[in-house]
Amino acid sequence: MNLSENRKSFYITTPIYYPSAKLHIGHAYCTTIADSIARYKRLAGYDVFFLTGSDEHGQKIQTAAAADGVTPIEYVDRIVAGFQKLWERLSISNDDFIRTTEERHVKVVQEVFRRIYARGDIYLGEYKGLYCTPCESYWTERQLDEDGCCPDCHRPVQEVTEKAYFFRMSRYADRVLKYIEDNPEFVQPVARRNEMINFIRQGLEDLCISRTSFDWGIPVPIDEKHVIYVWFDALSNYLTPVGFLDDQEKFNKFWPADMHLVGKEIVRFHSIIWPCMLLALDLPLPKKVYGHGWLVVDGDKMSKSKGNVVDPNLLIDEFGADAIRYFLLREINLGQDGNFSRDALIKRINSDLANDIGNLLHRTLSMVTKYRAGIVPPAAQQDETGGRLVADGENTVAEYEKSMESYALSDTIKLVWSFIGRANKYIDESQPWVLARDEADRAKLDTVLHNLAESLRVSAVLISPFMPQTAPRIWSQLGLDDVKPLGEVRLEEIRGWGGYPAENHIGIPEPIFPRIETDEEKAAKAEKAAKKQAKQARKKQQ
């Protein structure tokens, strides 16, 4: 049986992002998480389908486009191009990018409507209530915050009265509640799960799913005076690219979704409204809805009015994409809020990337070049110090798998960097520069150099889901491109120690993360230079 027959499937999605005119670091954070999980699953031998996209309908888009003097599609085309360019710069490995304005998606949404309507779970009524335009959400009086505003964004709501179609969501409340209670892993983290249970227990009302006061949306197939409400439209996107209407084999392979990764503010839509819709369609529910936290900047929530919105493109220009990916994944525990700080980013680049992995690569390749003319020798018998490194490497791979399967990305990165630190310590313990002085220690030196090359081989594979631009650079400098491209390597190939091919010639050593001079260091250097100049001036005067 070949590898493809052994493979399991894995379907992961991000939310389809609202086309905001201002890209911010939060967009990069969520998508980088999903990309790292998708890359890990491929590394572990899964057949992965990774979906992201854009949510392009609704009153807010139509209003913004009119204010900008363009059509809604012209407005979203421009912004969506920015998203796609950012994903390219961040090396996001999505298999599809769904736009809710695409014809393939329109067909799915209208068919979803037809099927649920035919079941008797959609009816025409009149909506009288409160609507939050920024969130595209309907609310009852009791759901508003203490100021009578939207409980999500805390902005004013509007009273709305219009004919509308309703989805009998209340019919499915008990079943969804039971599913959440019977399947503790369905909604994560636990805090979000408890919120959803409490929300349902307060009582679910039927959901308004159409509007007549604007026309930028998918027409209701049985009544084209109405357009379909944005969440009923948007949530159906998860069905479109995996063959819901046109490829039953693909649909059977990837549905139900293994993981919907969403911001904590939209967990409710994905773990309550979406399951109700799927039950009405007689489709299996997703296996997991994971609500990640928010990013704050220097301890304060991002806001245009505060002027602290962080543009990921500018960060990539200055520090590189992998440094940004590493920082976001390393600093923030999935499910919790996290703090972005420029100073913290620079410190992490200097300590973890320049000093740790950069230093290990540079020292190893320099010694292989100096002592063995660029050829990695085979290992002889391991001494006690080498044995500890080997054991640590094998244990790291085993723990890495466990940690990634539980989506503990930050802990996984810390685990890998602990091994990288151990490899750096191994250099100091084994002192290859001393071994190189005596021909009697040749076999020992060979083993040390081989162990270091193997440490870097293992590390390159382990960091590849998180740092997809850096890992191939390390792989290339190790001279492994012609042995096997990194993209074809699977996790099983590093479970045992010693996979680096003996007598292999390393590539050309290049710095991967130059150290960044901090403002404090620049100031200290300038002060030192000023003192030196003053001292020289005094000497001249004397």
Protein backbone atom coordinates (compact mmCIF):
# COMPACT_ATOMS: atom_id res chain seq x y z
CA MET A 1 0.00 0.00 0.00
CA ASN A 2 1.48 3.37 -0.97
CA LEU A 3 1.67 6.48 1.20
CA SER A 4 -1.35 8.17 -0.40
CA GLU A 5 -3.55 5.18 0.50
CA ASN A 6 -2.40 5.45 4.11
CA ARG A 7 -3.11 9.15 4.32
CA LYS A 8 -5.89 10.59 6.40
CA SER A 9 -7.68 13.74 5.34
CA PHE A 10 -7.77 17.01 7.26
CA TYR A 11 -9.90 20.05 6.44
CA ILE A 12 -9.07 23.34 8.18
CA THR A 13 -10.59 26.77 7.61
CA THR A 14 -10.04 30.32 8.74
CA PRO A 15 -13.01 32.68 8.83
CA ILE A 16 -13.60 34.37 5.49
CA TYR A 17 -12.38 37.85 6.28
CA TYR A 18 -14.48 40.95 5.90
CA PRO A 19 -12.78 43.18 3.32
CA SER A 20 -11.65 45.90 5.70
CA ALA A 21 -9.89 48.79 4.04
CA LYS A 22 -7.10 48.48 6.60
CA LEU A 23 -5.12 45.26 6.91
CA HIS A 24 -3.83 44.67 10.42
CA ILE A 25 -1.65 42.20 12.26
CA GLY A 26 -4.70 40.28 13.53
CA HIS A 27 -5.41 39.11 9.98
CA ALA A 28 -1.86 37.74 9.78
CA TYR A 29 -2.14 36.08 13.19
CA CYS A 30 -5.21 33.93 12.54
CA THR A 31 -4.12 32.85 9.07
CA THR A 32 -0.59 32.03 10.24
CA ILE A 33 -2.01 29.76 12.95
CA ALA A 34 -4.13 27.90 10.42
CA ASP A 35 -1.25 27.67 7.95
CA SER A 36 1.09 26.22 10.59
CA ILE A 37 -1.47 23.57 11.53
CA ALA A 38 -2.08 22.73 7.86
CA ARG A 39 1.65 22.46 7.19
CA TYR A 40 2.13 20.24 10.24
CA LYS A 41 -0.67 17.93 9.12
CA ARG A 42 0.92 17.58 5.69
CA LEU A 43 4.23 16.86 7.40
CA ALA A 44 2.49 14.16 9.45
CA GLY A 45 1.17 12.51 6.28
CA TYR A 46 -2.36 13.91 6.07
CA ASP A 47 -4.08 14.90 2.85
CA VAL A 48 -4.92 18.50 3.77
CA PHE A 49 -7.43 20.99 2.42
CA PHE A 50 -6.85 24.48 3.81
CA LEU A 51 -9.42 27.18 3.05
CA THR A 52 -9.42 30.91 3.56
CA GLY A 53 -11.25 33.70 1.75
CA SER A 54 -13.30 36.89 1.92
CA ASP A 55 -16.86 37.70 3.02
CA GLU A 56 -17.96 40.33 0.52
CA HIS A 57 -21.69 40.97 0.88
CA GLY A 58 -23.82 43.11 3.17
CA GLN A 59 -25.08 46.59 3.87
CA LYS A 60 -21.78 47.80 5.29
CA ILE A 61 -19.94 46.99 2.04
CA GLN A 62 -22.60 48.65 -0.08
CA THR A 63 -22.50 51.80 2.06
CA ALA A 64 -18.69 51.97 2.03
CA ALA A 65 -18.55 51.48 -1.75
CA ALA A 66 -21.09 54.26 -2.32
CA ALA A 67 -19.09 56.60 -0.09
CA ASP A 68 -15.99 55.72 -2.13
CA GLY A 69 -17.76 56.39 -5.42
CA VAL A 70 -17.34 52.84 -6.77
CA THR A 71 -19.49 49.76 -7.19
CA PRO A 72 -19.45 47.16 -4.41
CA ILE A 73 -17.54 44.64 -6.52
CA GLU A 74 -14.92 47.26 -7.46
CA TYR A 75 -14.59 48.11 -3.79
CA VAL A 76 -14.04 44.52 -2.66
CA ASP A 77 -11.83 43.57 -5.62
CA ARG A 78 -9.25 46.14 -4.56
CA ILE A 79 -9.23 45.09 -0.92
CA VAL A 80 -9.27 41.35 -1.57
CA ALA A 81 -6.19 41.74 -3.75
CA GLY A 82 -4.44 43.13 -0.67
CA PHE A 83 -5.39 40.07 1.36
CA GLN A 84 -4.13 37.71 -1.31
CA LYS A 85 -0.85 39.60 -1.61
CA LEU A 86 -0.36 39.46 2.16
CA TRP A 87 -1.00 35.70 2.20
CA GLU A 88 1.60 35.33 -0.54
CA ARG A 89 4.16 37.32 1.43
CA LEU A 90 3.48 35.24 4.56
CA SER A 91 3.80 31.97 2.56
CA ILE A 92 0.25 30.95 3.43
CA SER A 93 -0.32 27.52 1.85
CA ASN A 94 -4.10 27.67 1.39
CA ASP A 95 -5.53 25.25 -1.15
CA ASP A 96 -8.39 27.58 -2.05
CA PHE A 97 -9.45 31.18 -1.56
CA ILE A 98 -13.22 31.51 -1.56
CA ARG A 99 -14.92 34.78 -2.41
CA THR A 100 -18.61 34.94 -1.55
CA THR A 101 -19.21 36.89 -4.77
CA GLU A 102 -18.12 33.93 -6.91
CA GLU A 103 -20.77 32.15 -8.95
CA ARG A 104 -19.82 28.76 -7.50
CA HIS A 105 -20.62 30.07 -4.04
CA VAL A 106 -23.86 31.78 -5.11
CA LYS A 107 -25.12 28.41 -6.37
CA VAL A 108 -24.30 26.71 -3.06
CA VAL A 109 -25.96 29.39 -0.91
CA GLN A 110 -29.14 29.35 -2.98
CA GLU A 111 -29.27 25.56 -2.89
CA VAL A 112 -28.79 25.59 0.89
CA PHE A 113 -31.71 28.02 1.12
CA ARG A 114 -33.90 25.86 -1.14
CA ARG A 115 -33.24 22.67 0.80
CA ILE A 116 -33.91 24.19 4.20
CA TYR A 117 -36.99 26.00 2.85
CA ALA A 118 -38.33 22.74 1.37
CA ARG A 119 -37.96 21.17 4.80
CA GLY A 120 -40.23 23.81 6.28
CA ASP A 121 -37.49 25.46 8.32
CA ILE A 122 -37.60 28.83 6.52
CA TYR A 123 -40.66 31.07 6.59
CA LEU A 124 -41.61 34.64 5.62
CA GLY A 125 -42.31 37.02 8.47
CA GLU A 126 -41.66 40.54 9.61
CA TYR A 127 -38.58 41.59 11.48
CA LYS A 128 -38.93 44.20 14.16
CA GLY A 129 -35.87 44.62 16.20
CA LEU A 130 -32.36 45.85 16.62
CA TYR A 131 -29.59 45.57 14.07
CA CYS A 132 -25.86 46.28 14.33
CA THR A 133 -24.60 47.27 10.88
CA PRO A 134 -20.83 46.94 11.65
CA CYS A 135 -21.28 43.38 12.97
CA GLU A 136 -24.09 42.46 10.54
CA SER A 137 -25.92 41.05 13.60
CA TYR A 138 -29.48 41.12 14.90
CA TRP A 139 -30.07 41.48 18.64
CA THR A 140 -32.94 41.41 21.09
CA GLU A 141 -33.33 44.02 23.80
CA ARG A 142 -32.12 41.66 26.50
CA GLN A 143 -28.94 40.83 24.56
CA LEU A 144 -27.67 44.43 24.39
CA ASP A 145 -24.87 45.63 26.64
CA GLU A 146 -25.38 47.86 29.67
CA ASP A 147 -25.39 50.93 27.43
CA GLY A 148 -28.04 49.53 25.10
CA CYS A 149 -25.45 48.88 22.37
CA CYS A 150 -24.26 45.85 20.42
CA PRO A 151 -22.77 43.33 22.90
CA ASP A 152 -19.94 42.49 20.46
CA CYS A 153 -18.65 45.85 19.20
CA HIS A 154 -20.46 48.10 21.72
CA ARG A 155 -21.63 50.49 19.02
CA PRO A 156 -25.22 51.76 18.67
CA VAL A 157 -27.85 49.52 17.09
CA GLN A 158 -30.69 50.60 14.82
CA GLU A 159 -34.36 49.74 15.01
CA VAL A 160 -35.34 47.88 11.87
CA THR A 161 -38.77 46.85 10.57
CA GLU A 162 -39.04 44.96 7.31
CA LYS A 163 -40.37 41.80 5.70
CA ALA A 164 -37.82 39.03 6.03
CA TYR A 165 -37.32 35.30 5.81
CA PHE A 166 -36.53 33.49 9.05
CA PHE A 167 -34.68 30.26 9.75
CA ARG A 168 -36.31 28.12 12.46
CA MET A 169 -33.11 27.96 14.48
CA SER A 170 -35.08 27.48 17.69
CA ARG A 171 -36.10 24.03 16.41
CA TYR A 172 -32.49 22.86 16.66
CA ALA A 173 -31.43 24.52 19.92
CA ASP A 174 -31.76 21.40 22.09
CA ARG A 175 -29.85 19.23 19.64
CA VAL A 176 -26.98 21.70 19.33
CA LEU A 177 -26.81 22.14 23.11
CA LYS A 178 -26.68 18.37 23.61
CA TYR A 179 -23.96 18.07 20.95
CA ILE A 180 -21.81 20.70 22.65
CA GLU A 181 -22.31 19.09 26.06
CA ASP A 182 -21.69 15.54 24.78
CA ASN A 183 -18.61 16.52 22.75
CA PRO A 184 -16.30 18.61 24.99
CA GLU A 185 -13.73 19.04 22.18
CA PHE A 186 -16.25 20.55 19.75
CA VAL A 187 -15.91 24.13 21.04
CA GLN A 188 -12.50 25.18 22.32
CA PRO A 189 -11.06 26.64 24.45
CA VAL A 190 -13.19 25.72 27.45
CA ALA A 191 -14.11 29.34 28.20
CA ARG A 192 -15.70 29.69 24.74
CA ARG A 193 -17.53 26.38 25.19
CA ASN A 194 -19.05 27.55 28.46
CA GLU A 195 -20.13 30.82 26.83
CA MET A 196 -21.94 28.94 24.06
CA ILE A 197 -23.73 26.64 26.51
CA ASN A 198 -24.94 29.63 28.52
CA PHE A 199 -26.01 31.47 25.39
CA ILE A 200 -28.18 28.57 24.18
CA ARG A 201 -29.70 28.03 27.61
CA GLN A 202 -30.97 31.62 27.55
CA GLY A 203 -33.13 30.59 24.59
CA LEU A 204 -32.52 30.68 20.85
CA GLU A 205 -34.85 32.70 18.68
CA ASP A 206 -35.42 32.12 14.98
CA LEU A 207 -32.80 33.81 12.82
CA CYS A 208 -33.60 36.56 10.33
CA ILE A 209 -31.82 35.52 7.12
CA SER A 210 -32.87 38.06 4.48
CA ARG A 211 -33.05 41.82 3.91
CA THR A 212 -34.87 44.12 1.50
CA SER A 213 -33.35 47.46 2.50
CA PHE A 214 -30.23 46.90 0.36
CA ASP A 215 -29.42 44.70 -2.63
CA TRP A 216 -25.71 43.85 -2.31
CA GLY A 217 -26.05 40.17 -1.61
CA ILE A 218 -27.17 36.83 -3.02
CA PRO A 219 -30.83 36.93 -4.10
CA VAL A 220 -33.25 34.66 -2.24
CA PRO A 221 -33.99 32.02 -4.93
CA ILE A 222 -37.75 32.01 -4.29
CA ASP A 223 -38.15 35.77 -3.84
CA GLU A 224 -35.60 38.03 -5.51
CA LYS A 225 -36.82 41.16 -3.72
CA HIS A 226 -34.80 39.78 -0.79
CA VAL A 227 -31.07 39.19 -0.47
CA ILE A 228 -29.73 36.52 1.85
CA TYR A 229 -28.49 37.74 5.23
CA VAL A 230 -24.73 37.80 5.39
CA TRP A 231 -24.11 35.05 7.97
CA PHE A 232 -26.40 32.55 6.25
CA ASP A 233 -24.43 33.35 3.11
CA ALA A 234 -20.97 33.48 4.70
CA LEU A 235 -21.12 30.27 6.72
CA SER A 236 -22.07 28.25 3.66
CA ASN A 237 -18.64 29.04 2.20
CA TYR A 238 -17.19 26.04 4.02
CA LEU A 239 -19.24 23.72 1.78
CA THR A 240 -18.46 25.36 -1.55
CA PRO A 241 -14.79 24.41 -2.24
CA VAL A 242 -15.02 20.78 -1.04
CA GLY A 243 -17.56 19.71 -3.63
CA PHE A 244 -20.94 20.08 -1.88
CA LEU A 245 -22.79 20.31 -5.20
CA ASP A 246 -20.35 19.08 -7.80
CA ASP A 247 -17.89 16.52 -6.38
CA GLN A 248 -19.37 13.97 -4.02
CA GLU A 249 -16.12 12.01 -3.69
CA LYS A 250 -14.23 15.12 -2.58
CA PHE A 251 -17.05 16.10 -0.25
CA ASN A 252 -17.08 12.67 1.39
CA LYS A 253 -13.32 12.91 1.83
CA PHE A 254 -13.16 16.30 3.54
CA TRP A 255 -16.52 16.85 5.20
CA PRO A 256 -17.10 17.32 8.09
CA ALA A 257 -14.45 19.99 8.58
CA ASP A 258 -11.83 19.03 11.13
CA MET A 259 -11.29 22.57 12.40
CA HIS A 260 -12.91 25.97 11.98
CA LEU A 261 -10.36 28.42 13.36
CA VAL A 262 -12.10 31.71 14.16
CA GLY A 263 -11.75 34.81 16.31
CA LYS A 264 -13.40 34.49 19.70
CA GLU A 265 -15.96 37.17 18.79
CA ILE A 266 -17.51 34.95 16.08
CA VAL A 267 -17.45 31.59 17.85
CA ARG A 268 -21.22 31.95 18.41
CA PHE A 269 -21.97 32.03 14.69
CA HIS A 270 -19.81 28.97 14.01
CA SER A 271 -20.82 26.83 16.97
CA ILE A 272 -24.56 27.66 17.13
CA ILE A 273 -25.95 29.11 13.88
CA TRP A 274 -23.76 26.96 11.62
CA PRO A 275 -24.58 23.65 13.40
CA CYS A 276 -28.29 24.51 13.24
CA MET A 277 -27.97 25.04 9.48
CA LEU A 278 -26.09 21.77 9.03
CA LEU A 279 -28.66 19.83 11.06
CA ALA A 280 -31.38 21.28 8.82
CA LEU A 281 -29.37 20.03 5.82
CA ASP A 282 -28.83 16.57 7.42
CA LEU A 283 -25.07 17.09 7.25
CA PRO A 284 -22.52 16.11 9.91
CA LEU A 285 -21.30 18.87 12.22
CA PRO A 286 -17.66 20.08 12.19
CA LYS A 287 -15.33 18.28 14.54
CA LYS A 288 -13.96 21.43 16.18
CA VAL A 289 -14.57 25.17 16.38
CA TYR A 290 -11.54 26.86 17.94
CA GLY A 291 -11.80 30.48 19.04
CA HIS A 292 -8.45 32.24 19.14
CA GLY A 293 -7.89 35.39 21.19
CA TRP A 294 -7.30 38.99 20.18
CA LEU A 295 -4.04 40.81 19.66
CA VAL A 296 -3.43 43.93 21.67
CA VAL A 297 -0.63 46.40 20.94
CA ASP A 298 1.60 47.37 23.84
CA GLY A 299 -1.21 46.33 26.18
CA ASP A 300 -3.97 48.28 24.35
CA LYS A 301 -6.58 46.97 21.92
CA MET A 302 -5.96 47.96 18.29
CA SER A 303 -8.13 50.85 17.13
CA LYS A 304 -7.99 53.26 14.20
CA SER A 305 -9.01 56.09 16.53
CA LYS A 306 -6.03 55.31 18.79
CA GLY A 307 -3.70 55.11 15.83
CA ASN A 308 -2.17 51.81 16.99
CA VAL A 309 -3.24 49.54 14.14
CA VAL A 310 -0.17 47.52 13.12
CA ASP A 311 0.28 47.01 9.37
CA PRO A 312 1.73 43.52 8.76
CA ASN A 313 3.17 44.54 5.40
CA LEU A 314 5.37 47.17 7.02
CA LEU A 315 6.60 44.63 9.56
CA ILE A 316 7.43 42.16 6.81
CA ASP A 317 9.31 44.88 4.93
CA GLU A 318 11.44 45.56 8.00
CA PHE A 319 11.88 42.17 9.67
CA GLY A 320 10.86 39.49 7.16
CA ALA A 321 7.79 37.27 7.13
CA ASP A 322 9.20 34.36 9.14
CA ALA A 323 10.28 36.58 12.02
CA ILE A 324 6.71 37.89 12.27
CA ARG A 325 5.24 34.38 12.05
CA TYR A 326 7.65 33.12 14.70
CA PHE A 327 6.90 35.93 17.11
CA LEU A 328 3.11 35.62 16.84
CA LEU A 329 3.14 31.85 17.25
CA ARG A 330 5.79 31.78 19.99
CA GLU A 331 4.46 34.62 22.14
CA ILE A 332 0.74 33.84 22.21
CA ASN A 333 -0.94 30.73 23.56
CA LEU A 334 -3.72 29.68 21.20
CA GLY A 335 -7.08 30.68 22.63
CA GLN A 336 -5.72 33.50 24.78
CA ASP A 337 -5.30 37.19 24.03
CA GLY A 338 -1.76 38.20 23.17
CA ASN A 339 0.33 41.35 23.21
CA PHE A 340 2.25 42.66 20.22
CA SER A 341 5.21 44.87 21.00
CA ARG A 342 7.91 46.03 18.62
CA ASP A 343 10.53 45.88 21.38
CA ALA A 344 9.50 42.33 22.27
CA LEU A 345 9.67 41.34 18.59
CA ILE A 346 13.24 42.64 18.23
CA LYS A 347 14.34 40.93 21.44
CA ARG A 348 12.87 37.63 20.25
CA ILE A 349 14.57 37.96 16.85
CA ASN A 350 17.93 38.64 18.48
CA SER A 351 17.72 35.93 21.14
CA ASP A 352 15.89 33.04 19.46
CA LEU A 353 16.55 33.58 15.77
CA ALA A 354 19.94 35.27 15.54
CA ASN A 355 21.59 33.83 18.66
CA ASP A 356 20.03 30.36 18.85
CA ILE A 357 19.17 28.86 15.46
CA GLY A 358 21.34 31.32 13.50
CA ASN A 359 24.32 30.70 15.75
CA LEU A 360 23.93 26.92 15.64
CA LEU A 361 23.83 26.92 11.85
CA HIS A 362 26.79 29.28 11.45
CA ARG A 363 29.03 27.51 13.97
CA THR A 364 28.24 24.07 12.57
CA LEU A 365 28.83 24.92 8.92
CA SER A 366 31.96 26.90 9.74
CA MET A 367 33.48 23.95 11.59
CA VAL A 368 32.52 21.45 8.87
CA THR A 369 34.17 23.76 6.35
CA LYS A 370 37.27 24.36 8.46
CA TYR A 371 37.88 20.83 9.76
CA ARG A 372 36.45 18.59 7.01
CA ALA A 373 36.56 20.73 3.84
CA GLY A 374 32.78 21.12 3.80
CA ILE A 375 32.00 17.40 3.90
CA VAL A 376 29.98 16.02 6.84
CA PRO A 377 31.76 12.88 8.09
CA PRO A 378 29.96 9.74 9.28
CA ALA A 379 29.43 9.36 13.02
CA ALA A 380 31.53 6.97 15.00
CA GLN A 381 30.50 5.60 18.41
CA GLN A 382 28.57 8.08 20.56
CA ASP A 383 30.09 9.15 23.85
CA GLU A 384 27.94 10.06 26.85
CA THR A 385 27.50 13.68 25.78
CA GLY A 386 26.49 12.70 22.26
CA GLY A 387 24.15 10.04 23.62
CA ARG A 388 22.31 12.67 25.64
CA LEU A 389 21.92 14.84 22.53
CA VAL A 390 20.58 11.89 20.53
CA ALA A 391 18.08 11.00 23.25
CA ASP A 392 16.99 14.62 23.53
CA GLY A 393 16.49 14.83 19.77
CA GLU A 394 14.36 11.69 19.60
CA ASN A 395 12.32 12.76 22.62
CA THR A 396 11.80 16.23 21.09
CA VAL A 397 10.29 14.71 17.94
CA ALA A 398 7.96 12.49 19.97
CA GLU A 399 6.79 15.34 22.20
CA TYR A 400 6.49 17.63 19.18
CA GLU A 401 3.88 15.34 17.64
CA LYS A 402 1.83 15.19 20.85
CA SER A 403 1.99 18.94 21.29
CA MET A 404 1.00 19.75 17.72
CA GLU A 405 -1.89 17.29 17.77
CA SER A 406 -3.32 19.30 20.68
CA TYR A 407 -2.68 22.58 18.78
CA ALA A 408 -0.32 23.89 21.47
CA LEU A 409 1.74 25.85 18.95
CA SER A 410 3.54 28.10 21.41
CA ASP A 411 4.54 25.15 23.60
CA THR A 412 5.71 23.25 20.53
CA ILE A 413 7.99 26.08 19.45
CA LYS A 414 9.43 26.34 22.95
CA LEU A 415 10.09 22.60 22.86
CA VAL A 416 11.97 22.85 19.56
CA TRP A 417 13.99 25.83 20.77
CA SER A 418 14.93 23.92 23.90
CA PHE A 419 16.46 21.27 21.63
CA ILE A 420 18.24 23.95 19.57
CA GLY A 421 19.64 25.34 22.82
CA ARG A 422 20.75 21.83 23.77
CA ALA A 423 22.60 21.49 20.44
CA ASN A 424 24.39 24.80 21.03
CA LYS A 425 25.38 23.60 24.49
CA TYR A 426 26.67 20.37 22.93
CA ILE A 427 29.22 22.41 20.97
CA ASP A 428 30.55 23.94 24.17
CA GLU A 429 30.59 20.55 25.93
CA SER A 430 32.36 18.64 23.16
CA GLN A 431 34.78 21.47 22.21
CA PRO A 432 35.44 20.45 18.59
CA TRP A 433 38.19 23.08 18.29
CA VAL A 434 40.13 21.14 20.91
CA LEU A 435 39.45 17.77 19.26
CA ALA A 436 40.73 19.17 15.94
CA ARG A 437 44.21 19.64 17.42
CA ASP A 438 44.90 15.92 17.86
CA GLU A 439 44.60 13.33 15.09
CA ALA A 440 43.83 10.75 17.78
CA ASP A 441 40.51 12.55 18.35
CA ARG A 442 39.52 12.43 14.68
CA ALA A 443 36.68 9.93 15.19
CA LYS A 444 35.32 11.96 18.08
CA LEU A 445 35.37 15.13 16.00
CA ASP A 446 33.64 13.32 13.13
CA THR A 447 30.84 12.25 15.49
CA VAL A 448 30.42 15.76 16.88
CA LEU A 449 30.19 17.32 13.43
CA HIS A 450 27.74 14.67 12.25
CA ASN A 451 25.58 15.13 15.36
CA LEU A 452 25.44 18.87 14.79
CA ALA A 453 24.45 18.46 11.14
CA GLU A 454 21.78 15.97 12.19
CA SER A 455 20.52 18.37 14.87
CA LEU A 456 20.04 21.01 12.19
CA ARG A 457 18.36 18.55 9.83
CA VAL A 458 15.85 17.62 12.51
CA SER A 459 15.36 21.27 13.51
CA ALA A 460 14.71 22.35 9.92
CA VAL A 461 11.93 19.79 9.60
CA LEU A 462 10.42 20.71 12.96
CA ILE A 463 10.32 24.45 12.28
CA SER A 464 9.04 24.09 8.71
CA PRO A 465 5.33 24.51 9.64
CA PHE A 466 6.08 27.75 11.48
CA MET A 467 8.87 29.24 9.35
CA PRO A 468 8.32 28.07 5.76
CA GLN A 469 10.90 30.45 4.28
CA THR A 470 13.67 29.86 6.84
CA ALA A 471 13.48 26.06 7.02
CA PRO A 472 14.30 25.58 3.29
CA ARG A 473 17.23 27.98 3.62
CA ILE A 474 18.66 25.86 6.44
CA TRP A 475 17.97 22.69 4.42
CA SER A 476 19.80 24.15 1.44
CA GLN A 477 22.81 25.23 3.49
CA LEU A 478 22.97 21.70 4.88
CA GLY A 479 23.36 20.50 1.28
CA LEU A 480 20.16 18.43 1.41
CA ASP A 481 18.22 19.81 -1.57
CA ASP A 482 19.60 17.16 -3.92
CA VAL A 483 19.12 14.42 -1.35
CA LYS A 484 15.39 15.14 -0.91
CA PRO A 485 13.50 18.43 -1.13
CA LEU A 486 12.27 19.57 2.27
CA GLY A 487 8.69 19.76 1.01
CA GLU A 488 8.72 16.00 0.39
CA VAL A 489 10.05 15.07 3.83
CA ARG A 490 7.60 13.52 6.32
CA LEU A 491 7.74 13.48 10.09
CA GLU A 492 8.44 9.76 10.20
CA GLU A 493 11.83 10.44 8.57
CA ILE A 494 13.18 12.23 11.66
CA ARG A 495 11.77 9.93 14.35
CA GLY A 496 15.05 8.05 14.45
CA TRP A 497 18.45 9.73 14.81
CA GLY A 498 21.08 9.62 12.09
CA GLY A 499 19.28 10.51 8.88
CA TYR A 500 21.86 13.02 7.69
CA PRO A 501 23.75 11.27 4.83
CA ALA A 502 27.41 10.63 5.57
CA GLU A 503 30.00 12.22 3.27
CA ASN A 504 27.44 14.78 2.09
CA HIS A 505 28.78 18.16 1.05
CA ILE A 506 27.21 21.17 2.75
CA GLY A 507 25.91 24.14 0.82
CA ILE A 508 27.04 27.76 0.98
CA PRO A 509 26.74 29.21 4.50
CA GLU A 510 24.72 32.44 4.68
CA PRO A 511 23.40 34.35 7.70
CA ILE A 512 19.68 33.68 8.14
CA PHE A 513 18.85 36.23 10.84
CA PRO A 514 21.26 39.15 11.25
CA ARG A 515 21.10 40.65 14.70
CA ILE A 516 19.05 43.86 15.00
CA GLU A 517 20.58 46.75 16.86
CA THR A 518 18.10 48.06 19.45
CA ASP A 519 17.47 51.74 20.16
CA GLU A 520 19.26 51.35 23.50
CA GLU A 521 22.30 49.85 21.79
CA LYS A 522 22.32 52.61 19.17
CA ALA A 523 22.12 55.24 21.89
CA ALA A 524 24.93 53.57 23.86
CA LYS A 525 27.09 53.36 20.74
CA ALA A 526 26.44 57.01 19.92
CA GLU A 527 27.27 58.00 23.50
CA LYS A 528 30.49 55.98 23.37
CA ALA A 529 31.46 57.58 20.05
CA ALA A 530 30.74 61.05 21.42
CA LYS A 531 32.93 60.39 24.48
CA LYS A 532 35.71 59.11 22.23
CA GLN A 533 35.52 62.23 20.07
CA ALA A 534 35.54 64.47 23.13
CA LYS A 535 38.58 62.63 24.49
CA GLN A 536 40.41 63.00 21.17
CA ALA A 537 39.51 66.70 21.06
CA ARG A 538 40.95 67.21 24.56
CA LYS A 539 44.18 65.50 23.54
CA LYS A 540 44.54 67.80 20.55
CA GLN A 541 44.01 70.83 22.77
CA GLN A 542 46.72 69.60 25.13
